[in-house]
Amino acid sequence: MAYKHDYDKALTRLRIILQRLNDGESLGVKELAEEFNVSTRTIQRDFNEKLVSSYPIYQENKKWKMQDGFKIEKIRDIDDKIILDILEKITDGIGGTFASKSKKLLSKIKNEDHNPIYAKLNIEDISDKISDVNIIEIAIKEKKEIQCNYTLENKDTYSTTLKPLKIVNYEGFWYLVALNNDEIKKYYLKDLTNIKMTKETFEVENKIDELLDNSISIWFNQYTEPFEVKLYANKWTSKYFKRRPLPMQSIVSLHEDGGMEFIIKITHEMEILPIVKYWIPHLHILEPKWIQDMLEEDIKEFSDF
């Protein structure tokens, strides 16, 4: 008689089933249902909807088996496999040479061709900047200055020396965060050219990670003390801010109509204005009034246009 275990998570159940199949066991639905104290329908759904689509598993004489010759050699945990599937789809979204190289790297870890996960990510392709990114990465790690040219929006180009801190991605676009005359500045990565690493080294306070973690967009400002913005999201949008909270977000109150009031901390008004504009009319600025005034002015200017 099989021992019953109180496995309260489906992921734990899937992991154990997958491991036992990988070890060469033949598993019956009824026996598994008794062991995990769930219905036979639940176990059958585990196989049909979650495992068969990802692994060469088949049923023979009412027993589930792993195809002969197939082994999960490097991945012993289904959690790891799911994470790798997601990473693969993220790199697909970037596209270009970067995606093809990353897929080759992931294929050394995975041993399957089919990925059951799909992600639609609009990330800028920087495959043509791989050599420049490599130089910047080394300079960041070794704390060495770089010399480069930077092209402004008006197409004027100037030469500058930077102390690179981080390569970052905001809203799908790539930037270099660097020190210029001891001031943190952001540079659109594709507008940096003729990048050369110098022998000059630099020291920097390790505050950039905290600054980036608390930022919402590339508009963050290191010199402005974070201030609060209070917003109201109606029932149509509140669920999205619950699922994926903004950095420094805290809920003030939940309304009976399904809406919610919440607060975020920002250092620049442009960290929140584009978000509110995107969700109009379902997201409203309650405080401070001066940001709401800026929003109304932008809307008026757009209407006049």
Protein backbone atom coordinates (compact mmCIF):
# COMPACT_ATOMS: atom_id res chain seq x y z
CA MET A 1 0.00 0.00 0.00
CA ALA A 2 1.41 3.43 -0.97
CA TYR A 3 2.10 5.91 1.79
CA LYS A 4 0.09 9.10 1.59
CA HIS A 5 1.99 12.37 1.74
CA ASP A 6 0.54 15.82 2.23
CA TYR A 7 2.10 17.54 -0.78
CA ASP A 8 0.26 20.85 -0.82
CA LYS A 9 1.83 22.27 -3.95
CA ALA A 10 1.33 21.06 -7.49
CA LEU A 11 4.90 22.02 -8.35
CA THR A 12 6.25 19.71 -5.67
CA ARG A 13 4.09 16.88 -7.02
CA LEU A 14 5.28 17.47 -10.58
CA ARG A 15 8.89 17.59 -9.48
CA ILE A 16 8.67 14.25 -7.68
CA ILE A 17 6.84 12.56 -10.56
CA LEU A 18 9.38 13.86 -13.07
CA GLN A 19 12.31 12.74 -10.93
CA ARG A 20 10.89 9.22 -10.55
CA LEU A 21 10.24 8.94 -14.28
CA ASN A 22 13.78 10.11 -14.92
CA ASP A 23 15.02 7.39 -12.57
CA GLY A 24 13.30 4.76 -14.75
CA GLU A 25 10.12 4.10 -12.78
CA SER A 26 6.78 3.25 -14.41
CA LEU A 27 4.00 5.19 -12.71
CA GLY A 28 0.28 4.51 -12.57
CA VAL A 29 -2.32 7.26 -12.25
CA LYS A 30 -4.32 5.52 -9.53
CA GLU A 31 -1.27 4.82 -7.38
CA LEU A 32 -0.03 8.38 -7.72
CA ALA A 33 -3.45 9.76 -6.83
CA GLU A 34 -3.44 7.71 -3.63
CA GLU A 35 0.13 8.70 -2.75
CA PHE A 36 -0.45 12.43 -3.23
CA ASN A 37 -4.02 12.31 -1.89
CA VAL A 38 -5.54 13.90 -4.98
CA SER A 39 -8.02 12.71 -7.60
CA THR A 40 -7.02 10.56 -10.56
CA ARG A 41 -8.28 13.39 -12.78
CA THR A 42 -5.69 15.74 -11.20
CA ILE A 43 -2.86 13.30 -11.89
CA GLN A 44 -4.03 12.70 -15.44
CA ARG A 45 -4.12 16.47 -15.97
CA ASP A 46 -0.57 16.74 -14.62
CA PHE A 47 0.61 14.41 -17.36
CA ASN A 48 -1.55 15.65 -20.24
CA GLU A 49 -1.25 19.39 -19.63
CA LYS A 50 2.13 19.85 -17.97
CA LEU A 51 4.53 16.95 -18.52
CA VAL A 52 3.77 15.38 -21.90
CA SER A 53 4.18 18.72 -23.69
CA SER A 54 7.68 19.17 -22.28
CA TYR A 55 9.16 15.67 -22.02
CA PRO A 56 9.17 12.44 -24.08
CA ILE A 57 6.72 10.72 -21.73
CA TYR A 58 4.31 8.09 -22.95
CA GLN A 59 1.72 5.67 -21.52
CA GLU A 60 1.98 1.91 -21.90
CA ASN A 61 -0.25 -0.66 -20.18
CA LYS A 62 -1.74 2.15 -18.07
CA LYS A 63 1.71 3.12 -16.80
CA TRP A 64 3.53 6.35 -17.58
CA LYS A 65 7.17 6.03 -18.63
CA MET A 66 10.08 8.17 -19.81
CA GLN A 67 11.28 7.36 -23.32
CA ASP A 68 14.34 5.07 -23.35
CA GLY A 69 17.59 6.92 -23.81
CA PHE A 70 16.29 10.26 -22.53
CA LYS A 71 17.84 11.56 -19.35
CA ILE A 72 17.60 14.86 -17.54
CA GLU A 73 21.30 14.88 -16.85
CA LYS A 74 21.99 18.48 -15.89
CA ILE A 75 18.60 19.61 -14.67
CA ARG A 76 17.38 17.63 -11.70
CA ASP A 77 14.59 20.02 -10.73
CA ILE A 78 11.49 21.02 -12.71
CA ASP A 79 11.71 24.51 -11.13
CA ASP A 80 15.07 25.01 -12.85
CA LYS A 81 13.64 23.87 -16.16
CA ILE A 82 10.75 26.32 -15.99
CA ILE A 83 13.16 29.16 -15.20
CA LEU A 84 15.34 28.21 -18.18
CA ASP A 85 12.27 28.12 -20.45
CA ILE A 86 11.40 31.66 -19.36
CA LEU A 87 14.98 32.87 -19.87
CA GLU A 88 14.95 31.41 -23.36
CA LYS A 89 11.83 33.38 -24.25
CA ILE A 90 13.29 36.58 -22.84
CA THR A 91 16.33 36.23 -25.09
CA ASP A 92 14.02 35.50 -28.04
CA GLY A 93 12.42 38.88 -27.40
CA ILE A 94 15.79 40.63 -27.68
CA GLY A 95 16.44 39.05 -31.07
CA GLY A 96 19.47 39.23 -33.34
CA THR A 97 22.88 37.73 -32.62
CA PHE A 98 22.34 38.10 -28.89
CA ALA A 99 19.34 35.77 -29.03
CA SER A 100 21.05 33.17 -31.21
CA LYS A 101 24.14 33.08 -28.98
CA SER A 102 22.12 32.88 -25.79
CA LYS A 103 20.00 30.04 -27.22
CA LYS A 104 23.19 28.09 -27.96
CA LEU A 105 24.34 28.68 -24.40
CA LEU A 106 21.00 27.57 -22.97
CA SER A 107 21.02 24.49 -25.19
CA LYS A 108 24.16 23.32 -23.39
CA ILE A 109 22.11 23.21 -20.20
CA LYS A 110 18.82 21.98 -21.66
CA ASN A 111 18.38 18.88 -23.79
CA GLU A 112 15.12 19.63 -25.57
CA ASP A 113 14.03 21.54 -28.66
CA HIS A 114 10.46 22.40 -27.68
CA ASN A 115 9.70 25.17 -25.19
CA PRO A 116 6.11 25.17 -23.89
CA ILE A 117 6.45 28.75 -22.62
CA TYR A 118 5.82 31.79 -24.83
CA ALA A 119 6.64 35.38 -23.87
CA LYS A 120 6.01 38.52 -25.93
CA LEU A 121 8.71 40.99 -24.93
CA ASN A 122 9.52 44.14 -26.87
CA ILE A 123 13.24 44.46 -26.13
CA GLU A 124 15.59 46.46 -28.32
CA ASP A 125 18.00 44.42 -30.44
CA ILE A 126 21.61 45.36 -29.60
CA SER A 127 23.28 42.46 -31.39
CA ASP A 128 25.19 45.00 -33.50
CA LYS A 129 26.67 46.45 -30.30
CA ILE A 130 27.98 43.20 -28.78
CA SER A 131 31.65 44.18 -29.12
CA ASP A 132 30.98 47.58 -27.52
CA VAL A 133 28.98 45.99 -24.72
CA ASN A 134 31.89 43.62 -24.07
CA ILE A 135 34.30 46.56 -23.70
CA ILE A 136 31.91 48.36 -21.36
CA GLU A 137 31.35 45.23 -19.25
CA ILE A 138 35.09 44.77 -18.74
CA ALA A 139 35.50 48.47 -17.90
CA ILE A 140 32.69 48.24 -15.31
CA LYS A 141 34.21 45.17 -13.66
CA GLU A 142 37.75 46.60 -13.63
CA LYS A 143 36.53 50.15 -12.76
CA LYS A 144 38.30 51.69 -15.72
CA GLU A 145 37.27 54.82 -17.59
CA ILE A 146 36.16 54.69 -21.21
CA GLN A 147 36.53 57.21 -24.00
CA CYS A 148 33.74 57.41 -26.57
CA ASN A 149 31.66 59.59 -28.86
CA TYR A 150 28.05 60.36 -28.04
CA THR A 151 25.46 61.53 -30.55
CA LEU A 152 22.72 63.83 -29.29
CA GLU A 153 19.13 63.90 -30.55
CA ASN A 154 19.98 66.84 -32.81
CA LYS A 155 22.70 64.62 -34.38
CA ASP A 156 25.57 66.64 -32.89
CA THR A 157 28.37 64.35 -31.72
CA TYR A 158 30.91 65.05 -29.01
CA SER A 159 33.79 63.16 -27.42
CA THR A 160 33.67 62.37 -23.71
CA THR A 161 35.31 60.32 -20.96
CA LEU A 162 32.99 58.28 -18.74
CA LYS A 163 33.20 56.15 -15.64
CA PRO A 164 30.80 53.29 -16.52
CA LEU A 165 28.62 51.92 -13.73
CA LYS A 166 25.85 49.77 -15.21
CA ILE A 167 24.28 48.71 -18.50
CA VAL A 168 20.53 48.94 -17.89
CA ASN A 169 17.30 48.24 -19.74
CA TYR A 170 14.21 50.36 -19.17
CA GLU A 171 11.00 49.77 -21.10
CA GLY A 172 12.91 47.69 -23.67
CA PHE A 173 15.65 50.24 -24.40
CA TRP A 174 19.33 49.89 -23.43
CA TYR A 175 21.29 52.61 -21.65
CA LEU A 176 24.67 53.10 -20.02
CA VAL A 177 24.60 54.64 -16.55
CA ALA A 178 27.93 56.36 -15.96
CA LEU A 179 29.68 59.06 -14.01
CA ASN A 180 30.62 62.20 -15.90
CA ASN A 181 32.37 64.81 -13.77
CA ASP A 182 31.18 62.89 -10.70
CA GLU A 183 27.53 63.20 -11.79
CA ILE A 184 25.43 60.16 -12.65
CA LYS A 185 24.19 60.43 -16.23
CA LYS A 186 22.41 58.10 -18.64
CA TYR A 187 23.40 57.49 -22.24
CA TYR A 188 21.36 55.74 -24.90
CA LEU A 189 23.59 52.77 -25.72
CA LYS A 190 23.18 52.84 -29.48
CA ASP A 191 24.32 56.48 -29.60
CA LEU A 192 27.69 55.58 -28.06
CA THR A 193 30.41 54.93 -30.66
CA ASN A 194 34.21 54.52 -30.88
CA ILE A 195 34.30 53.08 -27.37
CA LYS A 196 37.79 52.50 -25.97
CA MET A 197 38.81 51.45 -22.49
CA THR A 198 41.56 53.54 -20.91
CA LYS A 199 44.09 52.68 -18.23
CA GLU A 200 42.61 55.23 -15.84
CA THR A 201 40.83 53.63 -12.88
CA PHE A 202 38.19 55.13 -10.61
CA GLU A 203 36.47 54.50 -7.31
CA VAL A 204 32.76 54.90 -6.73
CA GLU A 205 30.41 54.56 -3.77
CA ASN A 206 28.33 51.41 -4.06
CA LYS A 207 24.95 53.18 -4.19
CA ILE A 208 24.07 52.63 -7.84
CA ASP A 209 22.30 49.29 -7.21
CA GLU A 210 20.00 50.82 -4.60
CA LEU A 211 19.30 53.78 -6.87
CA LEU A 212 18.37 51.49 -9.77
CA ASP A 213 16.31 49.13 -7.61
CA ASN A 214 14.15 52.04 -6.42
CA SER A 215 13.76 53.63 -9.85
CA ILE A 216 10.77 53.22 -12.16
CA SER A 217 12.27 54.47 -15.40
CA ILE A 218 15.42 55.97 -16.86
CA TRP A 219 14.23 59.37 -15.61
CA PHE A 220 15.42 58.73 -12.04
CA ASN A 221 17.38 61.59 -10.44
CA GLN A 222 20.14 60.96 -7.92
CA TYR A 223 20.00 64.49 -6.49
CA THR A 224 16.28 64.65 -5.72
CA GLU A 225 15.05 63.26 -2.44
CA PRO A 226 12.37 60.63 -3.19
CA PHE A 227 8.86 62.04 -2.76
CA GLU A 228 5.47 60.37 -2.60
CA VAL A 229 2.82 60.29 -5.31
CA LYS A 230 -0.63 59.05 -4.32
CA LEU A 231 -2.70 57.37 -7.02
CA TYR A 232 -6.08 55.74 -7.46
CA ALA A 233 -6.49 52.72 -9.74
CA ASN A 234 -10.05 51.65 -10.55
CA LYS A 235 -11.20 48.05 -10.56
CA TRP A 236 -10.07 47.56 -14.15
CA THR A 237 -6.43 48.39 -13.44
CA SER A 238 -5.87 47.74 -9.74
CA LYS A 239 -5.28 44.05 -10.39
CA TYR A 240 -2.30 44.85 -12.62
CA PHE A 241 -0.61 46.95 -9.93
CA LYS A 242 -1.24 44.15 -7.44
CA ARG A 243 0.27 41.55 -9.77
CA ARG A 244 3.34 43.61 -10.63
CA PRO A 245 3.83 46.42 -8.12
CA LEU A 246 5.91 49.42 -9.07
CA PRO A 247 9.19 49.92 -7.17
CA MET A 248 8.60 51.57 -3.79
CA GLN A 249 4.82 50.93 -4.09
CA SER A 250 2.64 50.58 -1.00
CA ILE A 251 -1.13 50.14 -0.85
CA VAL A 252 -3.02 52.75 1.17
CA SER A 253 -6.56 51.36 0.95
CA LEU A 254 -8.71 48.94 -1.00
CA HIS A 255 -12.14 50.20 -2.11
CA GLU A 256 -15.35 48.20 -2.07
CA ASP A 257 -15.76 48.88 -5.81
CA GLY A 258 -12.54 46.98 -6.53
CA GLY A 259 -10.32 50.02 -6.87
CA MET A 260 -7.35 50.88 -4.68
CA GLU A 261 -5.32 53.84 -3.51
CA PHE A 262 -1.57 53.40 -3.42
CA ILE A 263 1.61 55.40 -2.98
CA ILE A 264 4.87 55.27 -4.89
CA LYS A 265 8.11 57.13 -4.32
CA ILE A 266 9.82 58.83 -7.27
CA THR A 267 12.63 61.30 -7.90
CA HIS A 268 11.33 62.78 -11.16
CA GLU A 269 7.81 63.45 -12.43
CA MET A 270 8.55 61.60 -15.69
CA GLU A 271 8.84 58.38 -13.75
CA ILE A 272 5.07 58.38 -13.24
CA LEU A 273 3.50 60.63 -15.89
CA PRO A 274 3.95 58.16 -18.83
CA ILE A 275 2.43 55.38 -16.71
CA VAL A 276 -0.64 57.44 -15.84
CA LYS A 277 -1.06 58.52 -19.47
CA TYR A 278 -0.92 54.89 -20.56
CA TRP A 279 -3.74 53.93 -18.16
CA ILE A 280 -6.01 56.96 -18.71
CA PRO A 281 -8.88 57.05 -17.70
CA HIS A 282 -8.41 54.18 -15.25
CA LEU A 283 -5.54 55.63 -13.20
CA HIS A 284 -5.66 59.03 -11.44
CA ILE A 285 -3.10 61.18 -9.59
CA LEU A 286 -4.49 62.20 -6.20
CA GLU A 287 -1.42 63.94 -4.79
CA PRO A 288 0.63 66.07 -5.27
CA LYS A 289 -1.46 68.56 -7.19
CA TRP A 290 1.45 69.97 -9.20
CA ILE A 291 1.98 66.63 -10.99
CA GLN A 292 -1.74 66.38 -11.71
CA ASP A 293 -1.54 69.92 -13.12
CA MET A 294 1.33 68.87 -15.40
CA LEU A 295 -0.73 65.91 -16.60
CA GLU A 296 -3.74 68.12 -17.37
CA GLU A 297 -1.50 70.56 -19.24
CA ASP A 298 -0.07 67.74 -21.36
CA ILE A 299 -3.57 66.46 -22.14
CA LYS A 300 -4.73 69.96 -23.06
CA GLU A 301 -1.74 70.46 -25.36
CA PHE A 302 -2.44 67.13 -27.03
CA SER A 303 -6.14 68.02 -27.47
CA ASP A 304 -5.24 71.39 -28.99
CA PHE A 305 -2.90 69.66 -31.39
